[in-house]
Structure formats: structure tokens, C-alpha cells
């Protein structure tokens, strides 16, 4: 997607170890690090602009009141799992559990297996 996010690197580094490592790695080629300018923008495959926007809303504490869209919660869950953002993962799991009855059992089982949410497995299997 052709979406450029201009974000405060300090907040990203503070909230996620993966970003901290990415932005503090020395550059051996004399170039600026990835993400330091529009010309050095970071591009991720298999992540939509909307998913990244949802994660940014969480990381930058742009809280809205619950209920959150399932798409929002699943995006934060997925990207937090991918980049080891424990607070985002825990936040998404908490709000997904609040809406558990709205989530099809097959999707609950898939999320449980994919993201190692063990206490969701048995109820999801029972509901199938």
C-alpha cells in the first residue's frame, strides 16, 4: 500500500523492543537507518495500512472507548505478537475476551492456536 506513516521513533522504541533494535542498529554502509526519512521508509509485506494504523492507535495511546471493532483487536493482536509487544498483546486479548460471544468458534480456535492463547482452545472446540 502507498501509505507513509511519519511516527515518533522514540515512542516506537520505548513501546516495542523490535522497534528499539531496528532503530538502534549501527549502519555499516554509511547510510541513514531505515525509517529515518521518506527516502528510507520502512516497508513491510503482509501488513495493511489499516492494521498498522490500529497498532499505532494503541502504541500512541489514542484510546477510544470500547467496544473496539474485532478487526482492530485482531490487528493489534497479530502485530503485537509479531513484534513482541506484550502490552498490545495483553490489551487485545483482554478486549477480545470481552467480545468472545461475538466471535465464531472457528475463529476463536484459529486465534488461540496461532497466538498461543491456551485458555481459548477448550471453549472454542466445545462450541464447534
Protein backbone atom coordinates (compact mmCIF):
# COMPACT_ATOMS: atom_id res chain seq x y z
CA UNK A 1 0.00 0.00 0.00
CA UNK A 2 1.15 3.52 -0.66
CA UNK A 3 0.72 4.91 2.84
CA UNK A 4 3.55 6.69 4.60
CA UNK A 5 3.38 6.90 8.39
CA UNK A 6 5.57 9.55 9.99
CA UNK A 7 5.95 8.43 13.57
CA UNK A 8 7.96 9.41 16.62
CA UNK A 9 10.76 6.86 16.74
CA UNK A 10 11.26 7.45 20.46
CA UNK A 11 7.77 6.22 21.29
CA UNK A 12 8.12 3.22 18.99
CA UNK A 13 11.46 2.31 20.59
CA UNK A 14 10.01 2.71 24.08
CA UNK A 15 6.93 0.56 23.42
CA UNK A 16 8.43 -2.28 21.40
CA UNK A 17 11.80 -3.98 21.67
CA UNK A 18 11.66 -4.93 17.99
CA UNK A 19 11.50 -1.26 17.03
CA UNK A 20 14.18 -0.37 19.57
CA UNK A 21 16.55 -2.86 17.99
CA UNK A 22 15.63 -1.76 14.47
CA UNK A 23 16.31 1.91 15.10
CA UNK A 24 19.47 1.50 17.19
CA UNK A 25 21.32 -0.96 14.96
CA UNK A 26 24.53 0.57 13.60
CA UNK A 27 24.57 1.18 9.87
CA UNK A 28 27.80 -0.18 8.43
CA UNK A 29 27.30 1.26 4.96
CA UNK A 30 27.30 4.92 6.00
CA UNK A 31 23.63 5.29 5.07
CA UNK A 32 20.94 6.63 7.31
CA UNK A 33 18.99 3.90 9.09
CA UNK A 34 15.75 2.64 7.59
CA UNK A 35 12.84 4.75 8.73
CA UNK A 36 14.92 7.89 9.20
CA UNK A 37 13.47 9.74 6.19
CA UNK A 38 10.84 9.48 3.47
CA UNK A 39 13.52 8.12 1.14
CA UNK A 40 14.44 5.43 3.70
CA UNK A 41 10.86 4.48 4.60
CA UNK A 42 10.32 1.03 6.05
CA UNK A 43 8.11 -1.23 4.00
CA UNK A 44 6.52 -4.35 5.43
CA UNK A 45 4.89 -7.01 3.36
CA UNK A 46 1.68 -8.67 4.50
CA UNK A 47 0.69 -5.77 6.76
CA UNK A 48 -2.06 -3.45 5.64
CA UNK A 49 -2.05 0.27 6.33
CA UNK A 50 -5.24 -0.20 8.36
CA UNK A 51 -3.63 -2.87 10.56
CA UNK A 52 -0.62 -0.66 11.20
CA UNK A 53 -2.91 2.28 11.93
CA UNK A 54 -4.71 0.20 14.56
CA UNK A 55 -1.39 -0.70 16.17
CA UNK A 56 -0.31 2.95 16.13
CA UNK A 57 -3.54 3.96 17.85
CA UNK A 58 -2.65 1.52 20.60
CA UNK A 59 1.04 2.48 20.79
CA UNK A 60 0.38 6.20 20.78
CA UNK A 61 -2.44 5.83 23.30
CA UNK A 62 -5.13 7.21 21.06
CA UNK A 63 -7.72 5.40 23.10
CA UNK A 64 -11.28 5.35 22.09
CA UNK A 65 -13.97 3.90 24.23
CA UNK A 66 -14.84 0.24 23.92
CA UNK A 67 -16.26 -1.67 22.20
CA UNK A 68 -13.47 -1.90 19.66
CA UNK A 69 -14.05 -3.38 16.24
CA UNK A 70 -12.97 -7.01 16.01
CA UNK A 71 -10.76 -6.06 13.06
CA UNK A 72 -8.97 -3.53 15.31
CA UNK A 73 -8.43 -6.04 18.12
CA UNK A 74 -7.22 -8.81 15.82
CA UNK A 75 -4.81 -6.43 14.06
CA UNK A 76 -3.29 -5.31 17.38
CA UNK A 77 -3.11 -8.95 18.50
CA UNK A 78 -1.38 -10.04 15.28
CA UNK A 79 1.15 -7.23 15.06
CA UNK A 80 1.85 -7.25 18.81
CA UNK A 81 2.54 -10.97 18.58
CA UNK A 82 4.74 -10.44 15.51
CA UNK A 83 6.82 -7.71 17.15
CA UNK A 84 6.64 -8.99 20.74
CA UNK A 85 4.68 -6.04 22.14
CA UNK A 86 3.40 -7.65 25.33
CA UNK A 87 1.22 -4.72 26.38
CA UNK A 88 -0.51 -4.69 22.98
CA UNK A 89 -0.99 -8.44 23.00
CA UNK A 90 -2.45 -8.40 26.52
CA UNK A 91 -4.71 -5.44 25.65
CA UNK A 92 -6.06 -7.17 22.55
CA UNK A 93 -6.65 -10.48 24.37
CA UNK A 94 -8.48 -8.68 27.18
CA UNK A 95 -10.90 -6.92 24.83
CA UNK A 96 -11.32 -9.95 22.59
CA UNK A 97 -12.33 -11.97 25.66
CA UNK A 98 -14.95 -9.34 26.45
CA UNK A 99 -16.44 -9.93 23.00
CA UNK A 100 -15.89 -13.69 22.95
CA UNK A 101 -19.56 -14.49 22.37
CA UNK A 102 -19.48 -12.46 19.14
CA UNK A 103 -16.52 -14.36 17.69
CA UNK A 104 -17.27 -17.53 15.75
CA UNK A 105 -15.84 -20.62 17.48
CA UNK A 106 -13.69 -21.49 14.45
CA UNK A 107 -12.08 -18.04 14.51
CA UNK A 108 -11.55 -18.23 18.28
CA UNK A 109 -9.84 -21.59 17.82
CA UNK A 110 -7.67 -20.28 14.98
CA UNK A 111 -6.62 -17.25 17.03
CA UNK A 112 -5.99 -19.44 20.08
CA UNK A 113 -3.72 -21.79 18.14
CA UNK A 114 -1.94 -19.13 16.11
CA UNK A 115 -1.24 -16.82 19.05
CA UNK A 116 -0.88 -19.41 21.82
CA UNK A 117 -3.93 -18.33 23.83
CA UNK A 118 -4.35 -21.67 25.56
CA UNK A 119 -7.40 -20.85 27.67
CA UNK A 120 -9.42 -20.22 24.50
CA UNK A 121 -8.84 -23.66 22.98
CA UNK A 122 -11.20 -25.85 25.03
CA UNK A 123 -14.20 -23.45 24.93
CA UNK A 124 -13.75 -22.91 21.19
CA UNK A 125 -13.56 -26.65 20.48
CA UNK A 126 -16.60 -27.29 22.67
CA UNK A 127 -18.58 -24.65 20.80
CA UNK A 128 -17.79 -26.12 17.37
